[in-house]
Protein backbone atom coordinates (compact mmCIF):
# COMPACT_ATOMS: atom_id res chain seq x y z
CA MET A 1 6.79 25.55 -8.55
CA SER A 2 6.31 23.94 -11.97
CA VAL A 3 3.28 21.96 -13.02
CA SER A 4 5.33 18.76 -12.93
CA ALA A 5 5.83 19.20 -9.17
CA ARG A 6 2.15 19.66 -8.31
CA TYR A 7 1.20 16.01 -8.16
CA LEU A 8 1.56 13.70 -5.20
CA GLY A 9 2.87 10.18 -4.89
CA LEU A 10 1.01 7.34 -3.18
CA THR A 11 2.98 4.20 -2.43
CA GLY A 12 3.19 1.32 0.02
CA GLY A 13 4.30 -2.26 0.36
CA ILE A 14 2.50 -5.00 -1.53
CA ALA A 15 -0.88 -5.81 0.06
CA CYS A 16 -0.62 -2.85 2.44
CA GLY A 17 -3.82 -1.24 1.19
CA LYS A 18 -2.45 1.25 -1.35
CA SER A 19 -5.07 0.56 -4.02
CA THR A 20 -7.86 0.82 -1.46
CA VAL A 21 -6.55 4.18 -0.31
CA ALA A 22 -6.24 5.38 -3.92
CA GLU A 23 -9.87 4.50 -4.57
CA MET A 24 -10.94 6.37 -1.44
CA PHE A 25 -9.08 9.45 -2.64
CA ARG A 26 -10.73 9.06 -6.05
CA GLU A 27 -14.16 8.99 -4.42
CA LEU A 28 -13.32 12.30 -2.72
CA GLY A 29 -12.48 13.91 -6.06
CA ALA A 30 -8.78 13.26 -6.59
CA HIS A 31 -7.46 12.38 -10.02
CA ILE A 32 -5.48 9.12 -9.89
CA VAL A 33 -2.77 7.89 -12.23
CA ASP A 34 -2.42 4.15 -11.70
CA ALA A 35 1.16 3.09 -12.45
CA ASP A 36 0.16 -0.57 -12.14
CA HIS A 37 -2.36 -0.09 -14.96
CA VAL A 38 0.36 1.56 -17.04
CA GLY A 39 2.58 -1.44 -16.29
CA HIS A 40 -0.14 -3.80 -17.50
CA GLU A 41 -0.26 -1.86 -20.78
CA MET A 42 3.45 -2.57 -21.20
CA LEU A 43 2.63 -6.30 -21.33
CA LEU A 44 0.09 -6.07 -24.16
CA THR A 45 1.03 -7.59 -27.50
CA SER A 46 0.63 -4.13 -29.06
CA SER A 47 3.21 -2.61 -26.70
CA ALA A 48 6.73 -1.82 -27.88
CA THR A 49 8.01 -3.69 -24.82
CA PHE A 50 6.26 -6.97 -25.73
CA PRO A 51 8.94 -8.40 -28.08
CA GLU A 52 11.68 -7.26 -25.70
CA LEU A 53 10.06 -9.13 -22.81
CA VAL A 54 9.54 -12.29 -24.86
CA THR A 55 13.16 -12.17 -25.98
CA ALA A 56 14.34 -11.67 -22.40
CA PHE A 57 12.18 -14.31 -20.69
CA GLY A 58 11.17 -16.74 -23.42
CA ARG A 59 7.85 -17.92 -24.76
CA GLU A 60 7.18 -19.75 -21.51
CA ILE A 61 5.68 -16.51 -20.19
CA LEU A 62 2.96 -16.57 -22.87
CA ASP A 63 -0.51 -18.08 -22.63
CA SER A 64 -2.16 -20.22 -25.31
CA ALA A 65 -3.23 -17.10 -27.21
CA GLY A 66 0.30 -15.73 -27.35
CA ARG A 67 -0.25 -13.03 -24.73
CA ILE A 68 1.97 -12.44 -21.72
CA ASP A 69 0.56 -14.30 -18.73
CA ARG A 70 1.19 -12.08 -15.70
CA LYS A 71 1.07 -15.00 -13.29
CA LYS A 72 3.65 -16.95 -15.26
CA LEU A 73 5.87 -13.90 -15.52
CA GLY A 74 5.45 -13.18 -11.81
CA HIS A 75 6.35 -16.72 -10.75
CA LEU A 76 9.44 -16.56 -12.95
CA VAL A 77 10.85 -13.21 -11.83
CA PHE A 78 10.00 -13.38 -8.14
CA ALA A 79 11.84 -16.69 -7.91
CA ASP A 80 15.01 -15.17 -9.37
CA PRO A 81 16.28 -11.71 -8.25
CA ALA A 82 18.38 -11.36 -11.41
CA LYS A 83 15.31 -11.87 -13.61
CA LEU A 84 13.31 -9.42 -11.51
CA GLN A 85 16.05 -6.85 -11.95
CA GLN A 86 16.03 -7.52 -15.69
CA LEU A 87 12.26 -7.02 -15.86
CA ASN A 88 12.48 -3.80 -13.88
CA HIS A 89 15.25 -2.52 -16.14
CA ILE A 90 13.00 -3.04 -19.17
CA VAL A 91 9.70 -1.66 -17.89
CA HIS A 92 10.41 0.85 -15.12
CA PRO A 93 11.83 3.69 -17.24
CA ARG A 94 8.86 3.44 -19.58
CA ILE A 95 6.35 3.30 -16.71
CA ILE A 96 7.92 6.36 -15.08
CA GLU A 97 7.88 8.28 -18.35
CA ARG A 98 4.23 7.44 -19.08
CA THR A 99 2.88 8.03 -15.56
CA THR A 100 4.73 11.35 -15.37
CA GLN A 101 3.22 12.39 -18.70
CA LEU A 102 -0.29 11.47 -17.54
CA ALA A 103 0.13 13.28 -14.21
CA ARG A 104 1.33 16.45 -15.91
CA GLU A 105 -1.61 16.36 -18.32
CA LEU A 106 -4.06 15.98 -15.44
CA CYS A 107 -2.46 18.91 -13.61
CA LEU A 108 -2.83 21.09 -16.69
CA GLU A 109 -6.43 20.01 -17.32
CA ASN A 110 -7.51 20.24 -13.67
CA ALA A 111 -5.74 23.26 -12.20
CA GLY A 112 -5.90 23.30 -8.42
CA SER A 113 -7.11 19.71 -8.16
CA VAL A 114 -5.40 16.89 -6.30
CA VAL A 115 -3.52 14.61 -8.69
CA ILE A 116 -2.02 11.46 -7.21
CA VAL A 117 0.29 8.92 -8.84
CA ASP A 118 -0.45 5.50 -7.35
CA ALA A 119 2.84 3.59 -7.68
CA ALA A 120 4.28 0.72 -5.66
CA LEU A 121 7.98 1.44 -6.19
CA ILE A 122 8.41 5.19 -5.74
CA TYR A 123 11.28 4.83 -3.28
CA GLU A 124 12.82 1.74 -4.87
CA THR A 125 13.13 3.49 -8.23
CA GLY A 126 14.56 6.65 -6.68
CA ILE A 127 11.85 9.03 -7.92
CA PRO A 128 10.35 10.57 -4.76
CA GLY A 129 11.70 13.94 -5.91
CA LEU A 130 9.15 13.97 -8.73
CA PHE A 131 6.36 14.54 -6.21
CA VAL A 132 5.52 17.54 -4.10
CA LYS A 133 4.78 15.13 -1.23
CA THR A 134 4.53 11.36 -0.79
CA ILE A 135 1.86 9.34 1.00
CA VAL A 136 2.45 5.80 2.22
CA ALA A 137 -0.23 3.20 2.88
CA TRP A 138 1.09 1.02 5.68
CA CYS A 139 0.11 -2.11 7.57
CA ARG A 140 1.95 -4.55 9.81
CA PRO A 141 4.28 -7.01 7.99
CA GLU A 142 2.35 -10.02 9.27
CA GLN A 143 -0.80 -8.53 7.73
CA GLN A 144 0.93 -8.31 4.36
CA ILE A 145 1.64 -12.03 4.45
CA GLU A 146 -1.91 -12.86 5.56
CA ARG A 147 -3.43 -10.78 2.78
CA LEU A 148 -1.16 -12.16 0.07
CA THR A 149 -1.79 -15.76 1.04
CA ALA A 150 -5.54 -15.29 1.51
CA LYS A 151 -6.41 -12.98 -1.39
CA ALA A 152 -3.68 -13.56 -3.96
CA GLY A 153 -3.49 -17.32 -3.46
CA LEU A 154 0.25 -17.30 -2.87
CA SER A 155 2.11 -19.68 -0.63
CA ARG A 156 3.79 -18.20 2.42
CA ASP A 157 7.20 -18.57 0.76
CA GLU A 158 5.96 -16.81 -2.40
CA ALA A 159 4.43 -14.04 -0.30
CA ASN A 160 7.69 -13.54 1.59
CA ARG A 161 9.68 -13.38 -1.66
CA ARG A 162 7.41 -10.70 -3.08
CA ILE A 163 7.53 -8.66 0.10
CA ALA A 164 11.32 -9.01 0.21
CA SER A 165 11.59 -7.67 -3.36
CA GLN A 166 10.41 -4.28 -2.11
CA MET A 167 11.69 -1.81 0.44
CA PRO A 168 10.34 -2.78 3.91
CA ALA A 169 7.00 -1.14 4.68
CA ASP A 170 8.39 0.39 7.86
CA GLU A 171 11.18 2.08 5.89
CA LYS A 172 8.66 3.56 3.46
CA ARG A 173 6.67 4.74 6.42
CA ARG A 174 9.74 6.52 7.78
CA LEU A 175 10.41 8.28 4.46
CA ALA A 176 6.83 9.39 3.82
CA ASP A 177 5.42 12.87 4.28
CA PHE A 178 2.02 11.37 5.20
CA VAL A 179 1.09 7.88 6.40
CA ILE A 180 -2.28 6.12 6.13
CA ASP A 181 -2.41 3.23 8.60
CA CYS A 182 -4.33 0.43 6.89
CA SER A 183 -3.89 -2.10 9.68
CA GLY A 184 -7.37 -1.44 11.09
CA THR A 185 -10.87 -1.51 9.62
CA LEU A 186 -11.87 0.04 6.30
CA GLU A 187 -13.82 2.65 8.23
CA GLU A 188 -10.69 3.61 10.16
CA THR A 189 -8.70 3.85 6.94
CA ARG A 190 -11.39 5.94 5.27
CA GLY A 191 -11.43 8.31 8.25
CA GLN A 192 -7.71 8.98 7.82
CA VAL A 193 -8.13 9.55 4.08
CA GLU A 194 -10.99 11.98 4.64
CA THR A 195 -8.93 13.88 7.20
CA LEU A 196 -5.89 14.10 4.93
CA TYR A 197 -7.69 15.06 1.71
CA PRO A 198 -8.38 18.73 2.64
CA VAL A 199 -4.73 19.04 3.66
CA LEU A 200 -3.69 17.82 0.20
CA GLN A 201 -6.14 20.20 -1.47
CA GLN A 202 -4.65 23.14 0.41
CA LEU A 203 -1.13 21.94 -0.34
CA VAL A 204 -1.76 21.73 -4.08
CA ARG A 205 -3.49 25.10 -4.25
CA SER A 206 -0.68 26.83 -2.38
CA THR A 207 2.11 25.60 -4.68
């Protein structure tokens, strides 16, 4: 199997606990490529995508310093499916290219180590085949809404729109090779991560 196939994918619905699970894996020694961080880089004024995004969505997405305001952009695109599709068309190919490059580099630099790409839209973008296996962080749909309204400060309608923009969490759960149930306590989630990690280590070393 080629180096490009020796990294794993970690995904999950918004507010399902994916980032928490990624950090737990990191603490155990895994190397994490954060696709969300790569996406944030695409919004910087120095990014090649910056002028394209301003042209597509107007200067109303900028803050007083002329930088892209993620909250403004989020409110705009999640209220309009066509605009969300337009945003995804601009940034997703570049995010996939960059995260793939970073994952391959980590595999080369850390032979035999667990390398995980933490990405929200693995199934939505049709790229599960890039990974040797996929892991899904899952929680109950009502918990997603509670977490988004409590922690992200979104209204219930906004939370529902953002959840609806992704594949249902239960569908991701069905497609996954491994599932981490994040509907319980942090200790329960950590226990699942600690149990799975040696399995992933063996999987990577045997490929």
